[in-house]
């Protein structure tokens, strides 16, 4: 499991490269440097959040299994703190919130650049709104009565991934988009 979580975390690195490349290529849009910064922070936060399963949780599990009752109780509390901080705060809240902001800004940039059909931008914005509703689950970890739409995370992240693939494929296949990307370098 350690290497599975490590691979899952490291697979986020190409997305950081994509954030940087789009920021460089669309630098003529005033807010793209801000969008790039948000994208990079989101990726790093999510990678750090995932890496807790690689470098922290196994140590806690070992301590729990080999400890006495008091150590086990302390380990449970330590896990809760690490999970709330590394997972909920960094990986999910900051990571997802900044991903949502990046998506909205890139969708707006795509409207300005007129590189692809407008529905793609609106699809990205709509996916972002649904994905934003998933943040309620995070608040519910500290405010138990906070209203939650249980499917928001699954639907929002799936739609975001579909949008990301559509944008990527469209940019790779569309001649006008390729020309725009190449001329920006």
N, C-alpha and C. Protein backbone atom coordinates (compact mmCIF):
# COMPACT_ATOMS: atom_id res chain seq x y z
N UNK A 1 0.81 -1.19 0.00
CA UNK A 1 0.00 0.00 0.00
C UNK A 1 0.86 1.27 0.00
N UNK A 2 2.01 1.21 0.65
CA UNK A 2 2.87 2.39 0.72
C UNK A 2 3.24 2.87 -0.68
N UNK A 3 3.66 1.94 -1.54
CA UNK A 3 4.07 2.34 -2.88
C UNK A 3 2.88 2.72 -3.76
N UNK A 4 1.73 2.16 -3.48
CA UNK A 4 0.52 2.55 -4.22
C UNK A 4 0.18 4.01 -3.92
N UNK A 5 0.20 4.39 -2.62
CA UNK A 5 -0.08 5.78 -2.25
C UNK A 5 1.01 6.71 -2.78
N UNK A 6 2.26 6.25 -2.76
CA UNK A 6 3.36 7.07 -3.27
C UNK A 6 3.16 7.33 -4.76
N UNK A 7 2.82 6.27 -5.51
CA UNK A 7 2.60 6.43 -6.95
C UNK A 7 1.42 7.37 -7.22
N UNK A 8 0.35 7.22 -6.44
CA UNK A 8 -0.83 8.07 -6.59
C UNK A 8 -0.45 9.53 -6.38
N UNK A 9 0.37 9.79 -5.38
CA UNK A 9 0.80 11.17 -5.10
C UNK A 9 1.70 11.71 -6.21
N UNK A 10 2.66 10.92 -6.63
CA UNK A 10 3.63 11.37 -7.63
C UNK A 10 2.99 11.57 -8.99
N UNK A 11 1.90 10.87 -9.26
CA UNK A 11 1.21 11.06 -10.54
C UNK A 11 0.63 12.47 -10.68
N UNK A 12 0.61 13.24 -9.59
CA UNK A 12 0.17 14.63 -9.67
C UNK A 12 1.22 15.57 -10.25
N UNK A 13 2.47 15.13 -10.31
CA UNK A 13 3.54 16.01 -10.81
C UNK A 13 3.32 16.49 -12.25
N UNK A 14 2.90 15.63 -13.18
CA UNK A 14 2.65 16.14 -14.55
C UNK A 14 1.61 17.25 -14.60
N UNK A 15 0.65 17.21 -13.68
CA UNK A 15 -0.35 18.27 -13.65
C UNK A 15 0.29 19.60 -13.28
N UNK A 16 1.29 19.57 -12.39
CA UNK A 16 2.01 20.80 -12.05
C UNK A 16 2.70 21.37 -13.28
N UNK A 17 3.27 20.49 -14.09
CA UNK A 17 3.93 20.93 -15.32
C UNK A 17 2.90 21.56 -16.27
N UNK A 18 1.73 20.95 -16.36
CA UNK A 18 0.66 21.50 -17.22
C UNK A 18 0.23 22.88 -16.73
N UNK A 19 0.08 23.03 -15.40
CA UNK A 19 -0.28 24.34 -14.85
C UNK A 19 0.75 25.40 -15.26
N UNK A 20 2.01 25.05 -15.13
CA UNK A 20 3.08 25.99 -15.46
C UNK A 20 3.09 26.32 -16.95
N UNK A 21 2.95 25.30 -17.79
CA UNK A 21 2.98 25.52 -19.24
C UNK A 21 1.81 26.38 -19.71
N UNK A 22 0.62 26.12 -19.21
CA UNK A 22 -0.52 26.97 -19.60
C UNK A 22 -0.30 28.40 -19.13
N UNK A 23 0.23 28.56 -17.92
CA UNK A 23 0.52 29.90 -17.41
C UNK A 23 1.50 30.65 -18.30
N UNK A 24 2.54 29.96 -18.76
CA UNK A 24 3.54 30.58 -19.66
C UNK A 24 2.93 30.91 -21.01
N UNK A 25 2.15 29.99 -21.54
CA UNK A 25 1.61 30.16 -22.89
C UNK A 25 0.51 31.20 -22.97
N UNK A 26 -0.22 31.37 -21.88
CA UNK A 26 -1.31 32.34 -21.87
C UNK A 26 -0.99 33.52 -20.97
N UNK A 27 0.28 33.88 -20.91
CA UNK A 27 0.72 34.96 -20.02
C UNK A 27 0.14 36.32 -20.41
N UNK A 28 -0.36 36.45 -21.63
CA UNK A 28 -0.98 37.71 -22.05
C UNK A 28 -2.33 37.95 -21.38
N UNK A 29 -2.86 36.94 -20.72
CA UNK A 29 -4.11 37.11 -19.96
C UNK A 29 -3.70 37.49 -18.54
N UNK A 30 -4.17 38.62 -18.09
CA UNK A 30 -3.67 39.22 -16.85
C UNK A 30 -3.73 38.32 -15.63
N UNK A 31 -4.75 37.49 -15.51
CA UNK A 31 -4.91 36.69 -14.30
C UNK A 31 -4.29 35.30 -14.39
N UNK A 32 -3.63 34.98 -15.49
CA UNK A 32 -3.07 33.63 -15.63
C UNK A 32 -1.90 33.38 -14.69
N UNK A 33 -1.16 34.40 -14.31
CA UNK A 33 -0.08 34.15 -13.34
C UNK A 33 -0.68 33.78 -11.99
N UNK A 34 -1.80 34.41 -11.64
CA UNK A 34 -2.52 34.08 -10.41
C UNK A 34 -3.09 32.67 -10.51
N UNK A 35 -3.67 32.33 -11.65
CA UNK A 35 -4.23 30.98 -11.85
C UNK A 35 -3.12 29.93 -11.74
N UNK A 36 -1.97 30.21 -12.33
CA UNK A 36 -0.85 29.28 -12.28
C UNK A 36 -0.40 29.05 -10.84
N UNK A 37 -0.30 30.13 -10.08
CA UNK A 37 0.08 30.01 -8.67
C UNK A 37 -0.92 29.16 -7.91
N UNK A 38 -2.20 29.40 -8.12
CA UNK A 38 -3.24 28.60 -7.45
C UNK A 38 -3.15 27.13 -7.85
N UNK A 39 -2.92 26.89 -9.13
CA UNK A 39 -2.79 25.51 -9.61
C UNK A 39 -1.61 24.79 -8.98
N UNK A 40 -0.48 25.45 -8.92
CA UNK A 40 0.71 24.83 -8.32
C UNK A 40 0.49 24.56 -6.84
N UNK A 41 -0.07 25.52 -6.13
CA UNK A 41 -0.35 25.31 -4.70
C UNK A 41 -1.32 24.15 -4.52
N UNK A 42 -2.34 24.09 -5.37
CA UNK A 42 -3.32 23.00 -5.24
C UNK A 42 -2.65 21.64 -5.43
N UNK A 43 -1.81 21.55 -6.42
CA UNK A 43 -1.13 20.28 -6.69
C UNK A 43 -0.20 19.87 -5.57
N UNK A 44 0.59 20.80 -5.08
CA UNK A 44 1.52 20.49 -3.99
C UNK A 44 0.76 20.12 -2.72
N UNK A 45 -0.30 20.85 -2.42
CA UNK A 45 -1.09 20.54 -1.22
C UNK A 45 -1.68 19.14 -1.31
N UNK A 46 -2.19 18.78 -2.49
CA UNK A 46 -2.77 17.45 -2.64
C UNK A 46 -1.71 16.36 -2.57
N UNK A 47 -0.54 16.61 -3.14
CA UNK A 47 0.55 15.64 -3.06
C UNK A 47 0.98 15.44 -1.61
N UNK A 48 1.14 16.53 -0.87
CA UNK A 48 1.51 16.42 0.55
C UNK A 48 0.44 15.65 1.32
N UNK A 49 -0.81 15.97 1.06
CA UNK A 49 -1.90 15.27 1.73
C UNK A 49 -1.87 13.77 1.48
N UNK A 50 -1.61 13.38 0.25
CA UNK A 50 -1.54 11.96 -0.07
C UNK A 50 -0.31 11.29 0.54
N UNK A 51 0.79 12.01 0.59
CA UNK A 51 2.04 11.41 1.10
C UNK A 51 1.99 11.12 2.60
N UNK A 52 0.98 11.61 3.30
CA UNK A 52 0.85 11.24 4.72
C UNK A 52 0.64 9.75 4.85
N UNK A 53 -0.01 9.13 3.82
CA UNK A 53 -0.22 7.69 3.85
C UNK A 53 1.07 6.92 3.63
N UNK A 54 2.08 7.58 3.09
CA UNK A 54 3.37 6.94 2.80
C UNK A 54 4.33 7.08 3.97
N UNK A 55 4.44 8.28 4.52
CA UNK A 55 5.49 8.56 5.49
C UNK A 55 5.04 8.74 6.93
N UNK A 56 3.76 8.91 7.17
CA UNK A 56 3.28 9.15 8.54
C UNK A 56 2.42 8.00 9.04
N UNK A 57 1.42 7.63 8.28
CA UNK A 57 0.47 6.62 8.74
C UNK A 57 1.14 5.26 9.02
N UNK A 58 2.08 4.79 8.19
CA UNK A 58 2.73 3.51 8.53
C UNK A 58 3.46 3.55 9.88
N UNK A 59 4.07 4.67 10.20
CA UNK A 59 4.74 4.80 11.50
C UNK A 59 3.71 4.75 12.62
N UNK A 60 2.61 5.44 12.44
CA UNK A 60 1.54 5.41 13.44
C UNK A 60 0.97 4.00 13.58
N UNK A 61 0.79 3.31 12.47
CA UNK A 61 0.25 1.94 12.52
C UNK A 61 1.21 1.03 13.28
N UNK A 62 2.50 1.14 13.00
CA UNK A 62 3.51 0.33 13.70
C UNK A 62 3.49 0.64 15.19
N UNK A 63 3.42 1.90 15.54
CA UNK A 63 3.38 2.31 16.94
C UNK A 63 2.12 1.77 17.63
N UNK A 64 1.00 1.82 16.94
CA UNK A 64 -0.25 1.32 17.51
C UNK A 64 -0.17 -0.19 17.78
N UNK A 65 0.28 -0.93 16.77
CA UNK A 65 0.33 -2.39 16.89
C UNK A 65 1.30 -2.84 17.99
N UNK A 66 2.41 -2.13 18.14
CA UNK A 66 3.44 -2.55 19.08
C UNK A 66 3.38 -1.83 20.43
N UNK A 67 2.41 -0.96 20.61
CA UNK A 67 2.35 -0.18 21.84
C UNK A 67 1.40 -0.75 22.87
N UNK A 68 1.55 -0.24 24.08
CA UNK A 68 0.61 -0.62 25.14
C UNK A 68 -0.67 0.19 24.96
N UNK A 69 -1.61 0.02 25.88
CA UNK A 69 -2.93 0.67 25.74
C UNK A 69 -2.82 2.19 25.68
N UNK A 70 -1.99 2.78 26.52
CA UNK A 70 -1.83 4.24 26.53
C UNK A 70 -1.22 4.72 25.21
N UNK A 71 -0.24 3.98 24.70
CA UNK A 71 0.39 4.34 23.42
C UNK A 71 -0.62 4.22 22.29
N UNK A 72 -1.45 3.19 22.33
CA UNK A 72 -2.47 3.02 21.30
C UNK A 72 -3.47 4.17 21.30
N UNK A 73 -3.88 4.59 22.49
CA UNK A 73 -4.81 5.73 22.58
C UNK A 73 -4.16 7.00 22.04
N UNK A 74 -2.90 7.21 22.39
CA UNK A 74 -2.17 8.39 21.90
C UNK A 74 -2.00 8.33 20.38
N UNK A 75 -1.77 7.13 19.88
CA UNK A 75 -1.59 6.95 18.44
C UNK A 75 -2.88 7.27 17.67
N UNK A 76 -4.01 6.88 18.23
CA UNK A 76 -5.30 7.19 17.61
C UNK A 76 -5.49 8.71 17.52
N UNK A 77 -5.16 9.41 18.57
CA UNK A 77 -5.27 10.88 18.57
C UNK A 77 -4.28 11.47 17.56
N UNK A 78 -3.05 10.94 17.54
CA UNK A 78 -2.05 11.44 16.59
C UNK A 78 -2.54 11.24 15.15
N UNK A 79 -3.13 10.08 14.88
CA UNK A 79 -3.67 9.83 13.54
C UNK A 79 -4.75 10.84 13.20
N UNK A 80 -5.66 11.09 14.13
CA UNK A 80 -6.75 12.04 13.87
C UNK A 80 -6.21 13.42 13.55
N UNK A 81 -5.18 13.85 14.26
CA UNK A 81 -4.57 15.16 14.02
C UNK A 81 -3.91 15.19 12.63
N UNK A 82 -3.14 14.15 12.35
CA UNK A 82 -2.45 14.10 11.04
C UNK A 82 -3.47 14.04 9.91
N UNK A 83 -4.50 13.24 10.08
CA UNK A 83 -5.52 13.10 9.04
C UNK A 83 -6.26 14.43 8.82
N UNK A 84 -6.65 15.09 9.90
CA UNK A 84 -7.37 16.36 9.79
C UNK A 84 -6.48 17.42 9.14
N UNK A 85 -5.21 17.47 9.53
CA UNK A 85 -4.32 18.49 8.99
C UNK A 85 -3.85 18.15 7.58
N UNK A 86 -3.23 16.98 7.43
CA UNK A 86 -2.66 16.63 6.14
C UNK A 86 -3.70 16.27 5.09
N UNK A 87 -4.76 15.59 5.53
CA UNK A 87 -5.77 15.14 4.58
C UNK A 87 -6.87 16.15 4.36
N UNK A 88 -7.56 16.48 5.43
CA UNK A 88 -8.73 17.36 5.30
C UNK A 88 -8.31 18.80 4.96
N UNK A 89 -7.40 19.37 5.74
CA UNK A 89 -7.02 20.77 5.53
C UNK A 89 -6.18 20.96 4.26
N UNK A 90 -5.04 20.28 4.20
CA UNK A 90 -4.14 20.51 3.05
C UNK A 90 -4.64 19.84 1.77
N UNK A 91 -4.73 18.53 1.80
CA UNK A 91 -5.05 17.79 0.58
C UNK A 91 -6.42 18.09 0.01
N UNK A 92 -7.41 18.09 0.88
CA UNK A 92 -8.77 18.24 0.36
C UNK A 92 -9.25 19.69 0.33
N UNK A 93 -9.11 20.40 1.44
CA UNK A 93 -9.64 21.77 1.44
C UNK A 93 -8.80 22.69 0.56
N UNK A 94 -7.55 22.89 0.92
CA UNK A 94 -6.70 23.79 0.12
C UNK A 94 -6.51 23.23 -1.28
N UNK A 95 -6.19 21.95 -1.38
CA UNK A 95 -5.94 21.35 -2.69
C UNK A 95 -7.14 21.45 -3.62
N UNK A 96 -8.30 21.06 -3.14
CA UNK A 96 -9.48 21.09 -4.00
C UNK A 96 -10.00 22.50 -4.23
N UNK A 97 -9.97 23.32 -3.20
CA UNK A 97 -10.46 24.69 -3.35
C UNK A 97 -9.62 25.45 -4.38
N UNK A 98 -8.30 25.28 -4.33
CA UNK A 98 -7.44 25.96 -5.30
C UNK A 98 -7.56 25.34 -6.68
N UNK A 99 -7.83 24.04 -6.76
CA UNK A 99 -8.08 23.41 -8.06
C UNK A 99 -9.34 23.99 -8.69
N UNK A 100 -10.36 24.17 -7.87
CA UNK A 100 -11.62 24.76 -8.34
C UNK A 100 -11.37 26.18 -8.86
N UNK A 101 -10.63 26.98 -8.09
CA UNK A 101 -10.32 28.36 -8.51
C UNK A 101 -9.54 28.35 -9.82
N UNK A 102 -8.55 27.46 -9.93
CA UNK A 102 -7.76 27.34 -11.16
C UNK A 102 -8.66 27.00 -12.34
N UNK A 103 -9.56 26.07 -12.14
CA UNK A 103 -10.46 25.63 -13.22
C UNK A 103 -11.34 26.77 -13.69
N UNK A 104 -11.89 27.53 -12.77
CA UNK A 104 -12.73 28.67 -13.14
C UNK A 104 -11.91 29.70 -13.92
N UNK A 105 -10.71 30.01 -13.43
CA UNK A 105 -9.88 31.00 -14.13
C UNK A 105 -9.46 30.51 -15.52
N UNK A 106 -9.11 29.24 -15.64
CA UNK A 106 -8.74 28.71 -16.96
C UNK A 106 -9.97 28.69 -17.88
N UNK A 107 -11.12 28.38 -17.34
CA UNK A 107 -12.35 28.42 -18.15
C UNK A 107 -12.62 29.83 -18.67
N UNK A 108 -12.40 30.82 -17.82
CA UNK A 108 -12.57 32.22 -18.25
C UNK A 108 -11.52 32.57 -19.31
N UNK A 109 -10.29 32.11 -19.11
CA UNK A 109 -9.22 32.36 -20.10
C UNK A 109 -9.59 31.74 -21.44
N UNK A 110 -10.15 30.54 -21.42
CA UNK A 110 -10.55 29.89 -22.67
C UNK A 110 -11.64 30.69 -23.38
N UNK A 111 -12.53 31.30 -22.61
CA UNK A 111 -13.54 32.18 -23.22
C UNK A 111 -12.88 33.38 -23.89
N UNK A 112 -11.89 33.98 -23.20
CA UNK A 112 -11.18 35.14 -23.76
C UNK A 112 -10.40 34.77 -25.02
N UNK A 113 -9.76 33.61 -25.00
CA UNK A 113 -8.92 33.20 -26.12
C UNK A 113 -9.74 32.67 -27.30
N UNK A 114 -10.97 32.25 -27.02
CA UNK A 114 -11.84 31.73 -28.07
C UNK A 114 -11.18 30.59 -28.84
N UNK A 115 -10.51 29.68 -28.10
CA UNK A 115 -9.80 28.57 -28.71
C UNK A 115 -10.67 27.33 -28.92
N UNK A 116 -11.77 27.28 -28.24
CA UNK A 116 -12.63 26.10 -28.31
C UNK A 116 -14.06 26.52 -28.07
N UNK A 117 -14.99 25.64 -28.31
CA UNK A 117 -16.40 25.99 -28.09
C UNK A 117 -16.64 26.46 -26.66
N UNK A 118 -17.52 27.44 -26.54
CA UNK A 118 -17.81 28.04 -25.22
C UNK A 118 -18.36 27.03 -24.22
N UNK A 119 -19.04 25.99 -24.69
CA UNK A 119 -19.63 25.02 -23.78
C UNK A 119 -18.56 24.36 -22.92
N UNK A 120 -17.35 24.24 -23.44
CA UNK A 120 -16.27 23.61 -22.68
C UNK A 120 -15.93 24.47 -21.45
N UNK A 121 -15.90 25.77 -21.64
CA UNK A 121 -15.65 26.67 -20.51
C UNK A 121 -16.78 26.60 -19.50
N UNK A 122 -18.00 26.62 -19.99
CA UNK A 122 -19.15 26.57 -19.09
C UNK A 122 -19.23 25.22 -18.36
N UNK A 123 -18.83 24.18 -19.05
CA UNK A 123 -18.78 22.85 -18.43
C UNK A 123 -17.78 22.86 -17.26
N UNK A 124 -16.61 23.48 -17.48
CA UNK A 124 -15.60 23.58 -16.42
C UNK A 124 -16.11 24.37 -15.23
N UNK A 125 -16.81 25.45 -15.50
CA UNK A 125 -17.37 26.26 -14.41
C UNK A 125 -18.46 25.49 -13.65
N UNK A 126 -19.30 24.78 -14.39
CA UNK A 126 -20.35 23.99 -13.75
C UNK A 126 -19.77 22.86 -12.89
N UNK A 127 -18.76 22.18 -13.43
CA UNK A 127 -18.09 21.13 -12.65
C UNK A 127 -17.49 21.72 -11.39
N UNK A 128 -16.95 22.92 -11.49
CA UNK A 128 -16.34 23.59 -10.33
C UNK A 128 -17.37 23.89 -9.26
N UNK A 129 -18.54 24.34 -9.67
CA UNK A 129 -19.59 24.64 -8.69
C UNK A 129 -20.00 23.37 -7.94
N UNK A 130 -20.18 22.28 -8.68
CA UNK A 130 -20.55 21.02 -8.03
C UNK A 130 -19.42 20.55 -7.11
N UNK A 131 -18.19 20.65 -7.59
CA UNK A 131 -17.02 20.25 -6.80
C UNK A 131 -16.92 21.10 -5.53
N UNK A 132 -17.31 22.35 -5.63
CA UNK A 132 -17.29 23.24 -4.46
C UNK A 132 -18.24 22.73 -3.37
N UNK A 133 -19.36 22.17 -3.77
CA UNK A 133 -20.30 21.62 -2.78
C UNK A 133 -19.66 20.51 -1.95
N UNK A 134 -18.65 19.85 -2.49
CA UNK A 134 -17.97 18.77 -1.75
C UNK A 134 -17.23 19.31 -0.52
N UNK A 135 -16.94 20.60 -0.52
CA UNK A 135 -16.26 21.19 0.64
C UNK A 135 -17.12 21.07 1.90
N UNK A 136 -18.41 20.91 1.74
CA UNK A 136 -19.31 20.77 2.90
C UNK A 136 -18.92 19.54 3.74
N UNK A 137 -18.49 18.47 3.08
CA UNK A 137 -18.07 17.27 3.81
C UNK A 137 -16.91 17.59 4.75
N UNK A 138 -16.03 18.47 4.33
CA UNK A 138 -14.87 18.83 5.15
C UNK A 138 -15.31 19.64 6.36
N UNK A 139 -16.23 20.56 6.15
CA UNK A 139 -16.75 21.34 7.27
C UNK A 139 -17.51 20.44 8.25
N UNK A 140 -18.15 19.40 7.72
CA UNK A 140 -18.90 18.47 8.57
C UNK A 140 -17.98 17.69 9.51
N UNK A 141 -16.67 17.64 9.22
CA UNK A 141 -15.75 16.96 10.13
C UNK A 141 -15.56 17.75 11.42
N UNK A 142 -15.86 19.05 11.39
CA UNK A 142 -15.72 19.89 12.59
C UNK A 142 -17.05 20.51 13.03
N UNK A 143 -18.02 20.51 12.14
CA UNK A 143 -19.38 20.98 12.45
C UNK A 143 -20.32 19.85 12.03
N UNK A 144 -20.54 18.89 12.91
CA UNK A 144 -21.29 17.68 12.52
C UNK A 144 -22.65 17.93 11.86
N UNK A 145 -23.33 18.99 12.20
CA UNK A 145 -24.64 19.26 11.61
C UNK A 145 -24.56 19.99 10.28
N UNK A 146 -23.36 20.25 9.77
CA UNK A 146 -23.22 20.98 8.51
C UNK A 146 -23.87 20.18 7.39
N UNK A 147 -24.70 20.82 6.56
CA UNK A 147 -25.40 20.08 5.49
C UNK A 147 -24.41 19.59 4.42
N UNK A 148 -24.59 18.34 4.04
CA UNK A 148 -23.68 17.70 3.10
C UNK A 148 -24.46 17.06 1.97
N UNK A 149 -23.97 17.23 0.73
CA UNK A 149 -24.49 16.50 -0.41
C UNK A 149 -23.45 15.42 -0.70
N UNK A 150 -23.73 14.21 -0.31
CA UNK A 150 -22.77 13.12 -0.35
C UNK A 150 -22.16 12.83 -1.71
N UNK A 151 -22.86 13.09 -2.79
CA UNK A 151 -22.36 12.79 -4.13
C UNK A 151 -21.55 13.94 -4.75
N UNK A 152 -21.50 15.07 -4.08
CA UNK A 152 -20.84 16.25 -4.66
C UNK A 152 -19.37 15.99 -4.99
N UNK A 153 -18.66 15.33 -4.10
CA UNK A 153 -17.24 15.06 -4.34
C UNK A 153 -17.04 14.15 -5.53
N UNK A 154 -17.80 13.07 -5.59
CA UNK A 154 -17.68 12.12 -6.70
C UNK A 154 -18.08 12.77 -8.02
N UNK A 155 -19.25 13.40 -8.04
CA UNK A 155 -19.74 14.01 -9.29
C UNK A 155 -18.84 15.18 -9.70
N UNK A 156 -18.51 16.05 -8.75
CA UNK A 156 -17.68 17.21 -9.08
C UNK A 156 -16.30 16.82 -9.57
N UNK A 157 -15.65 15.89 -8.89
CA UNK A 157 -14.30 15.50 -9.31
C UNK A 157 -14.33 14.74 -10.63
N UNK A 158 -15.38 13.94 -10.85
CA UNK A 158 -15.49 13.22 -12.12
C UNK A 158 -15.72 14.18 -13.28
N UNK A 159 -16.63 15.14 -13.08
CA UNK A 159 -16.87 16.14 -14.13
C UNK A 159 -15.62 16.98 -14.38
N UNK A 160 -14.88 17.31 -13.30
CA UNK A 160 -13.64 18.07 -13.46
C UNK A 160 -12.65 17.28 -14.30
N UNK A 161 -12.53 15.98 -14.02
CA UNK A 161 -11.60 15.15 -14.78
C UNK A 161 -12.01 15.06 -16.24
N UNK A 162 -13.31 14.92 -16.50
CA UNK A 162 -13.80 14.89 -17.88
C UNK A 162 -13.46 16.21 -18.56
N UNK A 163 -13.71 17.34 -17.87
CA UNK A 163 -13.39 18.66 -18.44
C UNK A 163 -11.89 18.75 -18.75
N UNK A 164 -11.07 18.30 -17.84
CA UNK A 164 -9.61 18.37 -18.03
C UNK A 164 -9.19 17.57 -19.26
N UNK A 165 -9.76 16.39 -19.43
CA UNK A 165 -9.44 15.55 -20.59
C UNK A 165 -9.93 16.22 -21.87
N UNK A 166 -11.15 16.76 -21.86
CA UNK A 166 -11.69 17.43 -23.05
C UNK A 166 -10.79 18.61 -23.44
N UNK A 167 -10.41 19.42 -22.46
CA UNK A 167 -9.54 20.57 -22.75
C UNK A 167 -8.21 20.09 -23.31
N UNK A 168 -7.62 19.09 -22.67
CA UNK A 168 -6.34 18.58 -23.13
C UNK A 168 -6.39 18.03 -24.55
N UNK A 169 -7.39 17.22 -24.82
CA UNK A 169 -7.54 16.64 -26.16
C UNK A 169 -7.79 17.73 -27.17
N UNK A 170 -8.65 18.68 -26.82
CA UNK A 170 -8.97 19.75 -27.75
C UNK A 170 -7.72 20.59 -28.06
N UNK A 171 -6.93 20.90 -27.05
CA UNK A 171 -5.71 21.69 -27.28
C UNK A 171 -4.70 20.93 -28.13
N UNK A 172 -4.65 19.61 -27.96
CA UNK A 172 -3.70 18.82 -28.74
C UNK A 172 -4.14 18.64 -30.19
N UNK A 173 -5.44 18.61 -30.43
CA UNK A 173 -5.95 18.29 -31.78
C UNK A 173 -6.31 19.51 -32.62
N UNK A 174 -6.66 20.61 -32.01
CA UNK A 174 -7.15 21.77 -32.74
C UNK A 174 -5.99 22.59 -33.28
N UNK A 175 -5.97 22.83 -34.59
CA UNK A 175 -4.88 23.58 -35.21
C UNK A 175 -4.77 25.01 -34.68
N UNK A 176 -5.92 25.67 -34.54
CA UNK A 176 -5.91 27.05 -34.04
C UNK A 176 -5.36 27.11 -32.62
N UNK A 177 -5.75 26.16 -31.81
CA UNK A 177 -5.26 26.11 -30.43
C UNK A 177 -3.77 25.83 -30.41
N UNK A 178 -3.32 24.92 -31.28
CA UNK A 178 -1.88 24.62 -31.36
C UNK A 178 -1.10 25.85 -31.78
N UNK A 179 -1.62 26.57 -32.77
CA UNK A 179 -0.96 27.80 -33.23
C UNK A 179 -0.88 28.81 -32.10
N UNK A 180 -1.97 28.99 -31.38
CA UNK A 180 -2.01 29.93 -30.24
C UNK A 180 -0.99 29.53 -29.18
N UNK A 181 -0.93 28.24 -28.90
CA UNK A 181 0.00 27.76 -27.89
C UNK A 181 1.44 27.95 -28.35
N UNK A 182 1.73 27.65 -29.63
CA UNK A 182 3.09 27.78 -30.14
C UNK A 182 3.51 29.24 -30.24
N UNK A 183 2.61 30.12 -30.64
CA UNK A 183 2.97 31.53 -30.79
C UNK A 183 3.18 32.21 -29.44
N UNK A 184 2.64 31.64 -28.39
CA UNK A 184 2.80 32.23 -27.06
C UNK A 184 4.17 31.95 -26.48
N UNK A 185 4.90 30.99 -27.04
CA UNK A 185 6.23 30.66 -26.52
C UNK A 185 7.28 31.61 -26.94
